[in-house]
Amino acid sequence: MKNILFTILLFLCMACEENKSVDPSIMPEITTIGENTFGCLVDGWVYASGRWGLPTAEYINREDTSYVKIVAEVGFESYIRFTIPNPKPGETISYVDASFDYQLVEDGKAHILRMDNGIISGTFEGKRLTKGRFDLKYKE
C-alpha cells in the first residue's frame, strides 16, 4: 500500500509544471516589452530576480543630465545595483556605481535596446557581472 501511495505522489509531483519565470537558476530571455526581468552571471553564477521581488528602474531627468538607477533583488537580501548615465536607445554606455551584495564591483558597459514609453531594456557586461539582461518598466 505504501508503494502505491508513494508512486501516486511521485507522479503528481512530476506532473506539476515549474514556473521558470521565478527560478533564480535560469536566466530570463532578452526581451524589450517591459516584462520586469533581470538576470546576469556574477563570477559565473546565475543571479536572476523574480522569486524575491520585481527589479526596479528609476529614471531621473535633470537639466544637465539624466540617468537610470537599476536595483534587482537576486537572493534573500542580496541585491545587484548600478546606474546608467544618459541612456539612449541603440547606444552602448558605461554603467557606474555597480554593487553586488553591498560591495562595489567594477563598472562595465550597458547596451540599451529600448527606452521609450516607460520601458528600458538592454544587456550589460563587466568584469564580474557578465551576460546581463534587463527589461524593466521605469518610474520617473
N, C-alpha and C. Protein backbone atom coordinates (compact mmCIF):
# COMPACT_ATOMS: atom_id res chain seq x y z
N MET A 1 0.82 -1.20 0.00
CA MET A 1 0.00 0.00 0.00
C MET A 1 0.86 1.26 0.00
N LYS A 2 1.95 1.24 0.80
CA LYS A 2 2.84 2.39 0.85
C LYS A 2 3.47 2.65 -0.51
N ASN A 3 3.80 1.59 -1.22
CA ASN A 3 4.42 1.75 -2.54
C ASN A 3 3.45 2.40 -3.53
N ILE A 4 2.18 2.05 -3.44
CA ILE A 4 1.18 2.63 -4.34
C ILE A 4 1.01 4.12 -4.04
N LEU A 5 0.92 4.48 -2.76
CA LEU A 5 0.80 5.88 -2.37
C LEU A 5 2.04 6.68 -2.80
N PHE A 6 3.20 6.08 -2.59
CA PHE A 6 4.44 6.75 -2.99
C PHE A 6 4.48 6.97 -4.50
N THR A 7 4.07 5.95 -5.27
CA THR A 7 4.07 6.06 -6.73
C THR A 7 3.09 7.14 -7.20
N ILE A 8 1.92 7.19 -6.59
CA ILE A 8 0.94 8.21 -6.96
C ILE A 8 1.48 9.60 -6.64
N LEU A 9 2.06 9.75 -5.46
CA LEU A 9 2.64 11.03 -5.07
C LEU A 9 3.76 11.44 -6.01
N LEU A 10 4.59 10.48 -6.40
CA LEU A 10 5.68 10.75 -7.32
C LEU A 10 5.15 11.24 -8.67
N PHE A 11 4.12 10.60 -9.20
CA PHE A 11 3.54 11.02 -10.47
C PHE A 11 2.90 12.41 -10.37
N LEU A 12 2.26 12.70 -9.25
CA LEU A 12 1.67 14.03 -9.07
C LEU A 12 2.74 15.11 -9.04
N CYS A 13 3.84 14.83 -8.39
CA CYS A 13 4.93 15.82 -8.34
C CYS A 13 5.55 16.03 -9.72
N MET A 14 5.66 14.97 -10.49
CA MET A 14 6.24 15.09 -11.82
C MET A 14 5.29 15.81 -12.78
N ALA A 15 4.00 15.75 -12.50
CA ALA A 15 3.02 16.38 -13.37
C ALA A 15 2.97 17.89 -13.18
N CYS A 16 3.45 18.36 -12.03
CA CYS A 16 3.42 19.80 -11.76
C CYS A 16 4.45 20.49 -12.64
N GLU A 17 4.03 21.51 -13.32
CA GLU A 17 4.94 22.27 -14.17
C GLU A 17 5.55 23.41 -13.36
N GLU A 18 6.87 23.49 -13.40
CA GLU A 18 7.57 24.53 -12.65
C GLU A 18 7.44 25.87 -13.36
N ASN A 19 7.22 26.93 -12.60
CA ASN A 19 7.16 28.28 -13.14
C ASN A 19 8.58 28.80 -13.28
N LYS A 20 9.14 28.72 -14.48
CA LYS A 20 10.53 29.10 -14.70
C LYS A 20 10.76 30.60 -14.60
N SER A 21 9.70 31.39 -14.61
CA SER A 21 9.88 32.84 -14.55
C SER A 21 10.40 33.30 -13.20
N VAL A 22 10.28 32.47 -12.18
CA VAL A 22 10.78 32.86 -10.87
C VAL A 22 11.89 31.92 -10.40
N ASP A 23 12.42 31.11 -11.27
CA ASP A 23 13.52 30.21 -10.91
C ASP A 23 14.82 30.99 -10.99
N PRO A 24 15.49 31.20 -9.84
CA PRO A 24 16.69 32.03 -9.85
C PRO A 24 17.89 31.35 -10.51
N SER A 25 17.75 30.10 -10.91
CA SER A 25 18.86 29.42 -11.58
C SER A 25 18.75 29.49 -13.09
N ILE A 26 17.72 30.15 -13.59
CA ILE A 26 17.50 30.27 -15.04
C ILE A 26 17.53 31.73 -15.43
N MET A 27 18.34 32.05 -16.43
CA MET A 27 18.43 33.42 -16.93
C MET A 27 17.17 33.76 -17.72
N PRO A 28 16.65 34.97 -17.54
CA PRO A 28 15.49 35.37 -18.34
C PRO A 28 15.90 35.61 -19.80
N GLU A 29 14.94 35.50 -20.67
CA GLU A 29 15.18 35.79 -22.09
C GLU A 29 15.46 37.28 -22.27
N ILE A 30 16.12 37.63 -23.36
CA ILE A 30 16.31 39.04 -23.70
C ILE A 30 15.03 39.50 -24.40
N THR A 31 14.31 40.42 -23.76
CA THR A 31 13.06 40.93 -24.30
C THR A 31 13.06 42.45 -24.23
N THR A 32 12.11 43.07 -24.90
CA THR A 32 12.04 44.54 -24.93
C THR A 32 10.60 45.04 -24.77
N ILE A 33 9.80 44.32 -23.98
CA ILE A 33 8.39 44.70 -23.86
C ILE A 33 7.99 45.08 -22.44
N GLY A 34 8.96 45.28 -21.57
CA GLY A 34 8.66 45.69 -20.20
C GLY A 34 8.20 44.57 -19.31
N GLU A 35 8.82 43.39 -19.41
CA GLU A 35 8.42 42.22 -18.63
C GLU A 35 8.92 42.25 -17.18
N ASN A 36 9.68 43.27 -16.82
CA ASN A 36 10.26 43.39 -15.47
C ASN A 36 11.12 42.17 -15.12
N THR A 37 12.06 41.88 -16.02
CA THR A 37 13.00 40.78 -15.81
C THR A 37 14.41 41.32 -15.68
N PHE A 38 15.25 40.58 -14.96
CA PHE A 38 16.64 40.95 -14.76
C PHE A 38 17.42 39.68 -14.46
N GLY A 39 18.57 39.56 -15.07
CA GLY A 39 19.44 38.42 -14.78
C GLY A 39 20.84 38.66 -15.28
N CYS A 40 21.80 38.01 -14.65
CA CYS A 40 23.19 38.07 -15.09
C CYS A 40 23.97 36.96 -14.40
N LEU A 41 25.21 36.81 -14.82
CA LEU A 41 26.13 35.93 -14.12
C LEU A 41 27.02 36.80 -13.25
N VAL A 42 27.26 36.38 -12.02
CA VAL A 42 28.22 37.04 -11.14
C VAL A 42 29.29 36.00 -10.83
N ASP A 43 30.49 36.26 -11.30
CA ASP A 43 31.59 35.29 -11.15
C ASP A 43 31.19 33.91 -11.67
N GLY A 44 30.38 33.89 -12.74
CA GLY A 44 29.98 32.64 -13.37
C GLY A 44 28.72 32.00 -12.80
N TRP A 45 28.16 32.55 -11.73
CA TRP A 45 26.95 32.01 -11.11
C TRP A 45 25.73 32.82 -11.55
N VAL A 46 24.62 32.13 -11.82
CA VAL A 46 23.39 32.79 -12.27
C VAL A 46 22.72 33.51 -11.11
N TYR A 47 22.37 34.77 -11.35
CA TYR A 47 21.57 35.56 -10.42
C TYR A 47 20.44 36.20 -11.22
N ALA A 48 19.20 35.87 -10.87
CA ALA A 48 18.05 36.42 -11.58
C ALA A 48 17.01 36.86 -10.55
N SER A 49 16.32 37.92 -10.86
CA SER A 49 15.27 38.39 -9.96
C SER A 49 13.98 37.68 -10.28
N GLY A 50 13.00 37.88 -9.45
CA GLY A 50 11.69 37.29 -9.67
C GLY A 50 11.18 36.62 -8.43
N ARG A 51 11.92 35.70 -7.89
CA ARG A 51 11.48 34.99 -6.70
C ARG A 51 11.42 35.92 -5.49
N TRP A 52 12.32 36.90 -5.43
CA TRP A 52 12.41 37.77 -4.25
C TRP A 52 11.80 39.14 -4.50
N GLY A 53 11.14 39.31 -5.59
CA GLY A 53 10.52 40.59 -5.90
C GLY A 53 10.93 41.07 -7.28
N LEU A 54 10.20 42.03 -7.77
CA LEU A 54 10.49 42.56 -9.10
C LEU A 54 11.66 43.54 -9.05
N PRO A 55 12.50 43.53 -10.07
CA PRO A 55 13.54 44.54 -10.14
C PRO A 55 12.92 45.91 -10.41
N THR A 56 13.64 46.96 -10.09
CA THR A 56 13.11 48.31 -10.31
C THR A 56 14.08 49.14 -11.13
N ALA A 57 13.53 50.08 -11.86
CA ALA A 57 14.31 51.07 -12.59
C ALA A 57 13.68 52.42 -12.33
N GLU A 58 14.52 53.38 -11.99
CA GLU A 58 14.04 54.73 -11.73
C GLU A 58 14.77 55.68 -12.67
N TYR A 59 14.01 56.42 -13.46
CA TYR A 59 14.58 57.37 -14.41
C TYR A 59 14.57 58.76 -13.78
N ILE A 60 15.75 59.37 -13.71
CA ILE A 60 15.88 60.72 -13.16
C ILE A 60 16.37 61.62 -14.30
N ASN A 61 15.61 62.69 -14.56
CA ASN A 61 15.96 63.62 -15.64
C ASN A 61 16.18 65.00 -15.04
N ARG A 62 17.40 65.48 -15.15
CA ARG A 62 17.75 66.81 -14.65
C ARG A 62 18.14 67.67 -15.84
N GLU A 63 18.31 68.96 -15.60
CA GLU A 63 18.64 69.89 -16.69
C GLU A 63 19.90 69.47 -17.42
N ASP A 64 20.93 69.10 -16.69
CA ASP A 64 22.23 68.83 -17.30
C ASP A 64 22.50 67.35 -17.57
N THR A 65 21.72 66.46 -17.00
CA THR A 65 21.97 65.02 -17.17
C THR A 65 20.71 64.22 -16.88
N SER A 66 20.72 62.98 -17.28
CA SER A 66 19.68 62.04 -16.91
C SER A 66 20.36 60.70 -16.62
N TYR A 67 19.69 59.87 -15.84
CA TYR A 67 20.24 58.56 -15.56
C TYR A 67 19.14 57.62 -15.10
N VAL A 68 19.43 56.33 -15.19
CA VAL A 68 18.51 55.30 -14.73
C VAL A 68 19.23 54.49 -13.65
N LYS A 69 18.58 54.36 -12.50
CA LYS A 69 19.09 53.52 -11.42
C LYS A 69 18.35 52.19 -11.49
N ILE A 70 19.11 51.10 -11.55
CA ILE A 70 18.52 49.76 -11.61
C ILE A 70 18.89 49.01 -10.34
N VAL A 71 17.88 48.40 -9.71
CA VAL A 71 18.07 47.61 -8.49
C VAL A 71 17.31 46.30 -8.66
N ALA A 72 18.00 45.18 -8.43
CA ALA A 72 17.36 43.88 -8.54
C ALA A 72 17.73 43.03 -7.33
N GLU A 73 16.71 42.56 -6.61
CA GLU A 73 16.96 41.63 -5.51
C GLU A 73 17.09 40.24 -6.13
N VAL A 74 18.27 39.63 -5.97
CA VAL A 74 18.57 38.36 -6.63
C VAL A 74 18.75 37.22 -5.64
N GLY A 75 18.44 37.46 -4.40
CA GLY A 75 18.54 36.46 -3.34
C GLY A 75 17.97 37.09 -2.08
N PHE A 76 17.95 36.33 -1.02
CA PHE A 76 17.43 36.87 0.23
C PHE A 76 18.36 37.98 0.69
N GLU A 77 17.86 39.22 0.63
CA GLU A 77 18.63 40.43 0.96
C GLU A 77 19.94 40.52 0.18
N SER A 78 19.92 40.06 -1.06
CA SER A 78 21.07 40.12 -1.95
C SER A 78 20.66 40.93 -3.17
N TYR A 79 21.38 42.01 -3.44
CA TYR A 79 20.99 42.95 -4.49
C TYR A 79 22.13 43.18 -5.48
N ILE A 80 21.73 43.44 -6.73
CA ILE A 80 22.64 43.98 -7.74
C ILE A 80 22.09 45.35 -8.09
N ARG A 81 22.98 46.35 -8.08
CA ARG A 81 22.59 47.74 -8.37
C ARG A 81 23.60 48.36 -9.32
N PHE A 82 23.11 49.22 -10.19
CA PHE A 82 24.00 50.06 -11.00
C PHE A 82 23.22 51.20 -11.59
N THR A 83 23.95 52.20 -12.08
CA THR A 83 23.36 53.40 -12.66
C THR A 83 23.85 53.55 -14.09
N ILE A 84 22.92 53.87 -14.99
CA ILE A 84 23.26 54.12 -16.40
C ILE A 84 23.06 55.60 -16.67
N PRO A 85 24.15 56.36 -16.85
CA PRO A 85 24.00 57.79 -17.13
C PRO A 85 23.65 58.04 -18.60
N ASN A 86 22.76 58.99 -18.81
CA ASN A 86 22.35 59.43 -20.15
C ASN A 86 22.04 58.28 -21.11
N PRO A 87 21.11 57.39 -20.74
CA PRO A 87 20.79 56.25 -21.61
C PRO A 87 20.05 56.67 -22.87
N LYS A 88 20.45 56.09 -23.98
CA LYS A 88 19.80 56.34 -25.27
C LYS A 88 19.69 55.02 -26.02
N PRO A 89 18.54 54.77 -26.64
CA PRO A 89 18.36 53.51 -27.38
C PRO A 89 19.42 53.36 -28.48
N GLY A 90 19.92 52.13 -28.60
CA GLY A 90 20.89 51.83 -29.64
C GLY A 90 22.32 52.14 -29.26
N GLU A 91 22.55 52.73 -28.10
CA GLU A 91 23.90 53.11 -27.70
C GLU A 91 24.44 52.17 -26.62
N THR A 92 25.77 52.04 -26.59
CA THR A 92 26.46 51.32 -25.53
C THR A 92 27.09 52.36 -24.62
N ILE A 93 26.75 52.27 -23.33
CA ILE A 93 27.10 53.29 -22.35
C ILE A 93 27.74 52.62 -21.14
N SER A 94 28.71 53.27 -20.53
CA SER A 94 29.28 52.74 -19.30
C SER A 94 28.27 52.86 -18.17
N TYR A 95 28.09 51.76 -17.43
CA TYR A 95 27.29 51.87 -16.22
C TYR A 95 28.24 52.12 -15.04
N VAL A 96 27.74 52.79 -14.01
CA VAL A 96 28.58 53.21 -12.88
C VAL A 96 27.92 52.82 -11.56
N ASP A 97 28.66 52.99 -10.48
CA ASP A 97 28.16 52.73 -9.13
C ASP A 97 27.60 51.32 -8.99
N ALA A 98 28.24 50.36 -9.62
CA ALA A 98 27.77 48.98 -9.57
C ALA A 98 28.12 48.34 -8.24
N SER A 99 27.16 47.56 -7.72
CA SER A 99 27.42 46.82 -6.49
C SER A 99 26.68 45.49 -6.51
N PHE A 100 27.25 44.55 -5.78
CA PHE A 100 26.65 43.24 -5.58
C PHE A 100 26.78 42.92 -4.09
N ASP A 101 25.67 42.63 -3.46
CA ASP A 101 25.66 42.38 -2.01
C ASP A 101 26.33 43.50 -1.23
N TYR A 102 26.02 44.73 -1.61
CA TYR A 102 26.50 45.95 -0.94
C TYR A 102 28.01 46.16 -1.05
N GLN A 103 28.68 45.41 -1.92
CA GLN A 103 30.10 45.62 -2.17
C GLN A 103 30.25 46.16 -3.59
N LEU A 104 31.06 47.21 -3.72
CA LEU A 104 31.27 47.78 -5.04
C LEU A 104 31.96 46.78 -5.95
N VAL A 105 31.52 46.75 -7.20
CA VAL A 105 32.20 45.97 -8.24
C VAL A 105 32.56 46.95 -9.35
N GLU A 106 33.44 46.53 -10.23
CA GLU A 106 33.90 47.43 -11.29
C GLU A 106 32.75 47.79 -12.23
N ASP A 107 32.87 48.96 -12.82
CA ASP A 107 31.89 49.41 -13.80
C ASP A 107 32.03 48.59 -15.08
N GLY A 108 31.01 48.65 -15.91
CA GLY A 108 31.02 47.92 -17.17
C GLY A 108 30.26 48.69 -18.23
N LYS A 109 29.77 47.99 -19.22
CA LYS A 109 29.05 48.60 -20.34
C LYS A 109 27.63 48.04 -20.41
N ALA A 110 26.69 48.92 -20.73
CA ALA A 110 25.30 48.53 -20.95
C ALA A 110 24.92 48.94 -22.37
N HIS A 111 24.27 48.04 -23.09
CA HIS A 111 23.76 48.37 -24.42
C HIS A 111 22.24 48.51 -24.30
N ILE A 112 21.74 49.70 -24.60
CA ILE A 112 20.31 49.99 -24.47
C ILE A 112 19.60 49.55 -25.75
N LEU A 113 18.72 48.58 -25.61
CA LEU A 113 17.95 48.08 -26.75
C LEU A 113 16.69 48.91 -26.96
N ARG A 114 16.07 49.33 -25.85
CA ARG A 114 14.85 50.14 -25.94
C ARG A 114 14.77 51.07 -24.75
N MET A 115 14.32 52.29 -25.00
CA MET A 115 14.00 53.21 -23.93
C MET A 115 12.95 54.18 -24.45
N ASP A 116 11.69 53.82 -24.19
CA ASP A 116 10.56 54.67 -24.55
C ASP A 116 9.31 54.14 -23.87
N ASN A 117 8.30 54.98 -23.79
CA ASN A 117 7.00 54.61 -23.21
C ASN A 117 7.13 53.95 -21.84
N GLY A 118 8.09 54.42 -21.03
CA GLY A 118 8.25 53.89 -19.68
C GLY A 118 8.93 52.54 -19.60
N ILE A 119 9.61 52.12 -20.67
CA ILE A 119 10.31 50.83 -20.69
C ILE A 119 11.77 51.05 -21.03
N ILE A 120 12.67 50.41 -20.28
CA ILE A 120 14.08 50.37 -20.63
C ILE A 120 14.51 48.91 -20.67
N SER A 121 15.13 48.53 -21.77
CA SER A 121 15.59 47.16 -21.98
C SER A 121 17.02 47.21 -22.49
N GLY A 122 17.80 46.22 -22.11
CA GLY A 122 19.16 46.17 -22.60
C GLY A 122 19.93 44.99 -22.08
N THR A 123 21.20 45.00 -22.42
CA THR A 123 22.14 43.99 -21.96
C THR A 123 23.30 44.70 -21.28
N PHE A 124 24.05 43.99 -20.44
CA PHE A 124 25.20 44.61 -19.80
C PHE A 124 26.29 43.58 -19.56
N GLU A 125 27.51 44.09 -19.45
CA GLU A 125 28.69 43.24 -19.31
C GLU A 125 29.76 43.99 -18.57
N GLY A 126 30.38 43.33 -17.63
CA GLY A 126 31.50 43.89 -16.89
C GLY A 126 32.50 42.79 -16.61
N LYS A 127 33.38 43.03 -15.66
CA LYS A 127 34.37 42.00 -15.33
C LYS A 127 33.74 40.88 -14.50
N ARG A 128 33.00 41.24 -13.46
CA ARG A 128 32.33 40.23 -12.62
C ARG A 128 30.88 40.00 -13.02
N LEU A 129 30.19 41.05 -13.47
CA LEU A 129 28.80 40.94 -13.91
C LEU A 129 28.82 40.70 -15.41
N THR A 130 28.44 39.50 -15.85
CA THR A 130 28.52 39.15 -17.27
C THR A 130 27.18 38.63 -17.78
N LYS A 131 27.03 38.65 -19.08
CA LYS A 131 25.83 38.15 -19.77
C LYS A 131 24.53 38.69 -19.18
N GLY A 132 24.56 39.95 -18.74
CA GLY A 132 23.40 40.56 -18.10
C GLY A 132 22.35 41.00 -19.09
N ARG A 133 21.11 40.99 -18.62
CA ARG A 133 19.99 41.49 -19.42
C ARG A 133 18.91 42.01 -18.49
N PHE A 134 18.20 43.03 -18.95
CA PHE A 134 17.10 43.60 -18.18
C PHE A 134 16.04 44.10 -19.14
N ASP A 135 14.81 44.05 -18.69
CA ASP A 135 13.66 44.54 -19.44
C ASP A 135 12.67 45.07 -18.40
N LEU A 136 12.74 46.37 -18.14
CA LEU A 136 12.06 46.94 -16.99
C LEU A 136 11.14 48.10 -17.35
N LYS A 137 10.08 48.24 -16.59
CA LYS A 137 9.26 49.43 -16.63
C LYS A 137 9.88 50.40 -15.63
N TYR A 138 10.07 51.63 -16.05
CA TYR A 138 10.71 52.57 -15.13
C TYR A 138 9.76 53.64 -14.64
N LYS A 139 10.11 54.16 -13.44
CA LYS A 139 9.36 55.25 -12.83
C LYS A 139 10.14 56.54 -13.05
N GLU A 140 9.43 57.65 -13.24
CA GLU A 140 10.11 58.93 -13.38
C GLU A 140 9.95 59.73 -12.11
